[in-house]
């Protein structure tokens, strides 16, 4: 198995009651570690190139990295553009062979968000690519405040855009480190009552492993975006590596030494979203 679309991995998750990890990548080493972790767990993985990663490294380089990893993988790998903000950015990702794009129109008025997301969905589907959208606004820890997803707006958004997945704001926030987020179960139930579209939680690091497992098994949440906790694992491994040998200087040696710790942490994330797996 190699490249997969988001719809190809989320529809089985929705039908069978589990979720898939969307991991935020920052370089070759962590992306490789995430695929190794997914292979060890025997589960699909969504490799995500977010705005910070794209500012650090051009999108064509991310495409090449993701292609190389997916084409050698033993599990389905989704090549995902995370938080695209323009049609042109999504168009470029599709042309480069990404199998999924996320258009973030969450700060736009509802009608504009629907119109732009629908245009990108149509472009993506014509190319055999999936599209994720966002309704409501997922805020940032110590930053912009969230605006909770309105269930009626979610129903309209899902119906009028035909997105393959819908990111919602129900208590989750980006960049939260302490895993103390509280999910609004009532709001989630109202959203699930009006649409069968697979739901996505951004800021998944702010949720405990137990809560993520429960939501994966008992809700329509089929994808959790995980970045902060994995970056924290990398940082800890990097400090340990450098502290253990002050004479280390070779970039390849240093970064390669962090991969085992990242694989171990990623396995907990990925496997925890399907605790009932054989």
Protein backbone atom coordinates (compact mmCIF):
# COMPACT_ATOMS: atom_id res chain seq x y z
CA UNK A 1 0.00 0.00 0.00
CA UNK A 2 1.25 3.49 -0.79
CA UNK A 3 -0.47 6.77 -1.47
CA UNK A 4 -4.08 7.11 -0.33
CA UNK A 5 -6.61 9.91 -0.26
CA UNK A 6 -8.12 11.20 2.96
CA UNK A 7 -11.51 9.78 1.99
CA UNK A 8 -9.98 6.34 1.46
CA UNK A 9 -8.71 6.17 5.05
CA UNK A 10 -11.49 8.09 6.83
CA UNK A 11 -14.53 6.34 5.39
CA UNK A 12 -13.48 2.93 6.81
CA UNK A 13 -12.70 4.66 10.11
CA UNK A 14 -16.19 6.18 10.20
CA UNK A 15 -17.81 2.84 9.37
CA UNK A 16 -15.77 0.78 11.83
CA UNK A 17 -15.46 3.22 14.74
CA UNK A 18 -11.84 4.32 14.95
CA UNK A 19 -9.72 7.33 14.00
CA UNK A 20 -6.56 8.10 12.06
CA UNK A 21 -3.66 10.31 13.15
CA UNK A 22 -2.82 13.39 11.10
CA UNK A 23 0.77 14.09 12.12
CA UNK A 24 2.37 17.51 11.65
CA UNK A 25 5.76 17.07 9.95
CA UNK A 26 8.77 19.36 10.21
CA UNK A 27 11.48 17.42 8.39
CA UNK A 28 12.67 14.16 6.90
CA UNK A 29 13.54 12.49 10.19
CA UNK A 30 10.21 12.97 11.93
CA UNK A 31 8.17 12.16 8.80
CA UNK A 32 10.17 8.94 8.37
CA UNK A 33 9.65 8.09 12.03
CA UNK A 34 5.87 8.59 11.73
CA UNK A 35 5.64 6.19 8.78
CA UNK A 36 7.76 3.64 10.67
CA UNK A 37 5.39 3.98 13.63
CA UNK A 38 2.32 3.50 11.43
CA UNK A 39 3.87 0.42 9.86
CA UNK A 40 4.66 -1.00 13.31
CA UNK A 41 1.00 -0.48 14.30
CA UNK A 42 -0.35 -1.69 10.96
CA UNK A 43 -2.49 1.43 10.58
CA UNK A 44 -2.77 4.27 8.03
CA UNK A 45 -1.15 7.65 8.60
CA UNK A 46 -1.74 11.20 7.34
CA UNK A 47 1.51 13.13 6.77
CA UNK A 48 0.78 16.85 7.03
CA UNK A 49 2.71 19.85 5.74
CA UNK A 50 1.42 22.84 7.69
CA UNK A 51 2.06 26.57 7.28
CA UNK A 52 5.15 26.58 9.53
CA UNK A 53 6.67 23.66 7.67
CA UNK A 54 5.96 25.29 4.32
CA UNK A 55 7.56 28.54 5.45
CA UNK A 56 10.66 26.58 6.44
CA UNK A 57 10.87 24.35 3.36
CA UNK A 58 9.24 24.79 -0.08
CA UNK A 59 6.16 22.75 -0.91
CA UNK A 60 7.85 20.85 -3.79
CA UNK A 61 10.42 19.51 -1.30
CA UNK A 62 7.64 18.34 1.01
CA UNK A 63 5.99 16.66 -1.95
CA UNK A 64 9.19 14.78 -2.77
CA UNK A 65 9.64 13.66 0.85
CA UNK A 66 6.06 12.50 1.18
CA UNK A 67 6.13 10.69 -2.17
CA UNK A 68 9.32 8.81 -1.26
CA UNK A 69 7.94 7.72 2.11
CA UNK A 70 4.49 6.78 0.85
CA UNK A 71 5.73 4.80 -2.12
CA UNK A 72 7.90 2.62 0.11
CA UNK A 73 5.38 2.23 2.93
CA UNK A 74 3.55 -0.94 3.87
CA UNK A 75 0.46 0.99 5.05
CA UNK A 76 -1.74 3.66 3.40
CA UNK A 77 -0.15 7.12 3.58
CA UNK A 78 -2.09 10.32 2.91
CA UNK A 79 -0.07 13.29 1.58
CA UNK A 80 -1.91 16.23 3.11
CA UNK A 81 -1.64 20.00 2.80
CA UNK A 82 -2.71 21.38 6.19
CA UNK A 83 -4.28 24.83 6.63
CA UNK A 84 -4.10 25.99 3.04
CA UNK A 85 -5.48 29.51 2.87
CA UNK A 86 -5.78 30.18 -0.87
CA UNK A 87 -7.09 28.37 -3.92
CA UNK A 88 -3.69 28.76 -5.56
CA UNK A 89 -1.89 27.10 -2.67
CA UNK A 90 -4.26 24.13 -2.86
CA UNK A 91 -3.91 24.02 -6.64
CA UNK A 92 -0.12 23.85 -6.34
CA UNK A 93 -0.32 21.00 -3.82
CA UNK A 94 -2.64 19.02 -6.09
CA UNK A 95 -0.31 19.56 -9.04
CA UNK A 96 2.61 18.29 -6.93
CA UNK A 97 0.80 15.04 -6.16
CA UNK A 98 -0.63 15.67 -2.70
CA UNK A 99 -3.58 13.34 -2.21
CA UNK A 100 -5.44 15.62 0.19
CA UNK A 101 -5.74 19.35 0.84
CA UNK A 102 -7.26 21.24 3.74
CA UNK A 103 -8.66 24.67 2.97
CA UNK A 104 -8.97 26.80 6.09
CA UNK A 105 -11.67 29.40 5.55
CA UNK A 106 -12.64 29.44 9.22
CA UNK A 107 -12.01 33.17 9.63
CA UNK A 108 -14.23 34.03 6.66
CA UNK A 109 -17.95 34.82 6.79
CA UNK A 110 -19.95 31.61 6.41
CA UNK A 111 -21.06 32.24 2.83
CA UNK A 112 -17.50 33.01 1.72
CA UNK A 113 -16.11 29.97 3.53
CA UNK A 114 -18.67 27.76 1.81
CA UNK A 115 -18.07 29.26 -1.64
CA UNK A 116 -14.29 29.03 -1.51
CA UNK A 117 -14.25 25.60 0.07
CA UNK A 118 -16.73 24.30 -2.52
CA UNK A 119 -14.52 25.60 -5.35
CA UNK A 120 -11.50 23.80 -3.91
CA UNK A 121 -13.50 20.61 -3.32
CA UNK A 122 -14.56 20.62 -6.97
CA UNK A 123 -10.98 21.20 -8.12
CA UNK A 124 -9.65 18.49 -5.78
CA UNK A 125 -12.28 15.90 -6.67
CA UNK A 126 -11.70 16.46 -10.38
CA UNK A 127 -8.08 15.44 -9.75
CA UNK A 128 -8.99 12.46 -7.55
CA UNK A 129 -7.87 14.30 -4.40
CA UNK A 130 -9.70 14.71 -1.07
CA UNK A 131 -10.52 18.00 0.63
CA UNK A 132 -10.94 18.89 4.32
CA UNK A 133 -12.62 22.09 5.44
CA UNK A 134 -13.16 23.88 8.74
CA UNK A 135 -16.33 25.33 10.21
CA UNK A 136 -16.16 27.33 13.40
CA UNK A 137 -12.70 28.47 14.45
CA UNK A 138 -10.18 26.38 16.40
CA UNK A 139 -8.19 28.86 18.47
CA UNK A 140 -4.66 28.77 19.83
CA UNK A 141 -3.36 28.18 23.34
CA UNK A 142 -2.26 31.59 24.66
CA UNK A 143 -3.44 33.08 21.37
CA UNK A 144 -6.59 33.72 19.34
CA UNK A 145 -9.75 32.50 21.06
CA UNK A 146 -11.89 29.75 19.57
CA UNK A 147 -15.35 30.21 18.09
CA UNK A 148 -17.39 27.05 18.63
CA UNK A 149 -18.89 25.27 15.65
CA UNK A 150 -22.59 25.98 15.21
CA UNK A 151 -24.37 22.70 14.34
CA UNK A 152 -26.75 24.32 11.85
CA UNK A 153 -23.83 25.99 10.09
CA UNK A 154 -21.96 22.68 10.10
CA UNK A 155 -24.90 20.97 8.40
CA UNK A 156 -25.04 23.65 5.73
CA UNK A 157 -21.26 23.66 5.27
CA UNK A 158 -21.07 19.88 4.84
CA UNK A 159 -24.01 19.75 2.46
CA UNK A 160 -23.07 22.70 0.25
CA UNK A 161 -19.33 21.99 -0.01
CA UNK A 162 -19.28 18.16 -0.15
CA UNK A 163 -16.04 18.12 1.84
CA UNK A 164 -14.54 14.72 2.61
CA UNK A 165 -13.79 15.75 6.21
CA UNK A 166 -14.83 18.63 8.43
CA UNK A 167 -12.71 20.16 11.19
CA UNK A 168 -14.81 21.38 14.11
CA UNK A 169 -14.29 23.55 17.18
CA UNK A 170 -15.76 21.85 20.25
CA UNK A 171 -13.29 22.73 23.00
CA UNK A 172 -10.07 21.77 21.22
CA UNK A 173 -7.32 24.37 20.65
CA UNK A 174 -4.05 24.40 18.73
CA UNK A 175 -0.66 24.17 20.49
CA UNK A 176 -1.99 23.04 23.86
CA UNK A 177 0.63 21.13 25.86
CA UNK A 178 -1.12 20.02 29.03
CA UNK A 179 -3.81 17.64 27.64
CA UNK A 180 -6.52 19.36 29.67
CA UNK A 181 -8.90 20.27 26.84
CA UNK A 182 -12.57 19.58 27.57
CA UNK A 183 -14.73 18.50 24.66
CA UNK A 184 -18.29 19.84 24.42
CA UNK A 185 -20.07 16.51 24.00
CA UNK A 186 -23.45 18.18 23.59
CA UNK A 187 -22.24 20.30 20.69
CA UNK A 188 -20.55 17.25 19.16
CA UNK A 189 -23.77 15.23 19.38
CA UNK A 190 -25.73 18.06 17.72
CA UNK A 191 -23.22 18.15 14.86
CA UNK A 192 -23.33 14.37 14.44
CA UNK A 193 -27.13 14.51 14.30
CA UNK A 194 -27.12 16.70 11.19
CA UNK A 195 -24.23 15.33 9.09
CA UNK A 196 -22.44 12.04 8.39
CA UNK A 197 -19.27 13.79 7.23
CA UNK A 198 -16.16 12.48 9.03
CA UNK A 199 -15.11 14.97 11.69
CA UNK A 200 -11.59 16.21 12.48
CA UNK A 201 -10.08 17.50 15.70
CA UNK A 202 -7.27 20.01 15.28
CA UNK A 203 -5.14 20.54 18.36
CA UNK A 204 -5.36 16.87 19.31
CA UNK A 205 -2.33 17.13 21.59
CA UNK A 206 -4.51 18.99 24.08
CA UNK A 207 -6.65 15.88 24.63
CA UNK A 208 -5.64 12.99 26.87
CA UNK A 209 -4.92 9.60 25.30
CA UNK A 210 -7.98 8.22 27.09
CA UNK A 211 -10.26 10.94 25.74
CA UNK A 212 -8.96 10.53 22.20
CA UNK A 213 -9.52 6.77 22.35
CA UNK A 214 -13.06 7.25 23.64
CA UNK A 215 -13.94 9.79 20.97
CA UNK A 216 -12.38 7.61 18.26
CA UNK A 217 -14.52 4.66 19.31
CA UNK A 218 -17.78 6.44 20.11
CA UNK A 219 -18.11 9.47 17.84
CA UNK A 220 -17.82 10.55 14.21
CA UNK A 221 -14.36 12.00 14.87
CA UNK A 222 -12.19 10.08 12.43
CA UNK A 223 -8.99 12.15 12.41
CA UNK A 224 -6.96 13.79 15.17
CA UNK A 225 -4.26 16.28 14.18
CA UNK A 226 -1.24 15.73 16.42
CA UNK A 227 1.75 18.05 16.40
CA UNK A 228 2.73 19.58 19.73
CA UNK A 229 3.25 16.39 21.74
CA UNK A 230 5.36 14.84 18.99
CA UNK A 231 7.48 17.97 18.66
CA UNK A 232 7.96 17.91 22.42
CA UNK A 233 9.16 14.30 22.16
CA UNK A 234 11.63 15.34 19.48
CA UNK A 235 12.90 18.23 21.59
CA UNK A 236 13.42 15.99 24.60
CA UNK A 237 15.25 13.39 22.51
CA UNK A 238 17.43 16.06 20.93
CA UNK A 239 18.44 17.51 24.30
CA UNK A 240 19.22 14.03 25.60
CA UNK A 241 21.32 13.20 22.56
CA UNK A 242 23.36 16.40 22.74
CA UNK A 243 23.73 16.15 26.50
CA UNK A 244 25.03 12.60 26.31
CA UNK A 245 27.94 13.50 24.05
CA UNK A 246 29.20 17.09 23.96
CA UNK A 247 31.50 16.22 21.04
CA UNK A 248 28.63 15.42 18.68
CA UNK A 249 28.47 17.79 15.71
CA UNK A 250 27.28 15.83 12.69
CA UNK A 251 23.70 16.73 11.81
CA UNK A 252 22.88 13.29 10.43
CA UNK A 253 24.16 11.51 13.54
CA UNK A 254 22.36 13.91 15.88
CA UNK A 255 18.98 13.83 14.16
CA UNK A 256 19.07 10.10 13.46
CA UNK A 257 19.56 9.49 17.18
CA UNK A 258 16.19 11.12 17.91
CA UNK A 259 14.14 8.86 15.66
CA UNK A 260 13.64 5.91 18.02
CA UNK A 261 12.03 8.17 20.63
CA UNK A 262 9.77 9.76 18.01
CA UNK A 263 8.72 6.34 16.71
CA UNK A 264 7.84 5.21 20.24
CA UNK A 265 5.78 8.33 20.95
CA UNK A 266 4.06 8.18 17.56
CA UNK A 267 3.13 4.54 18.08
CA UNK A 268 1.27 5.51 21.24
CA UNK A 269 -0.61 8.19 19.32
CA UNK A 270 -1.43 6.09 16.26
CA UNK A 271 -2.28 2.87 18.05
CA UNK A 272 -4.31 4.67 20.68
CA UNK A 273 -6.83 5.74 18.06
CA UNK A 274 -7.74 2.12 17.34
CA UNK A 275 -7.45 0.33 20.68
CA UNK A 276 -9.67 -2.52 19.43
CA UNK A 277 -7.36 -3.47 16.57
CA UNK A 278 -6.51 -7.20 16.25
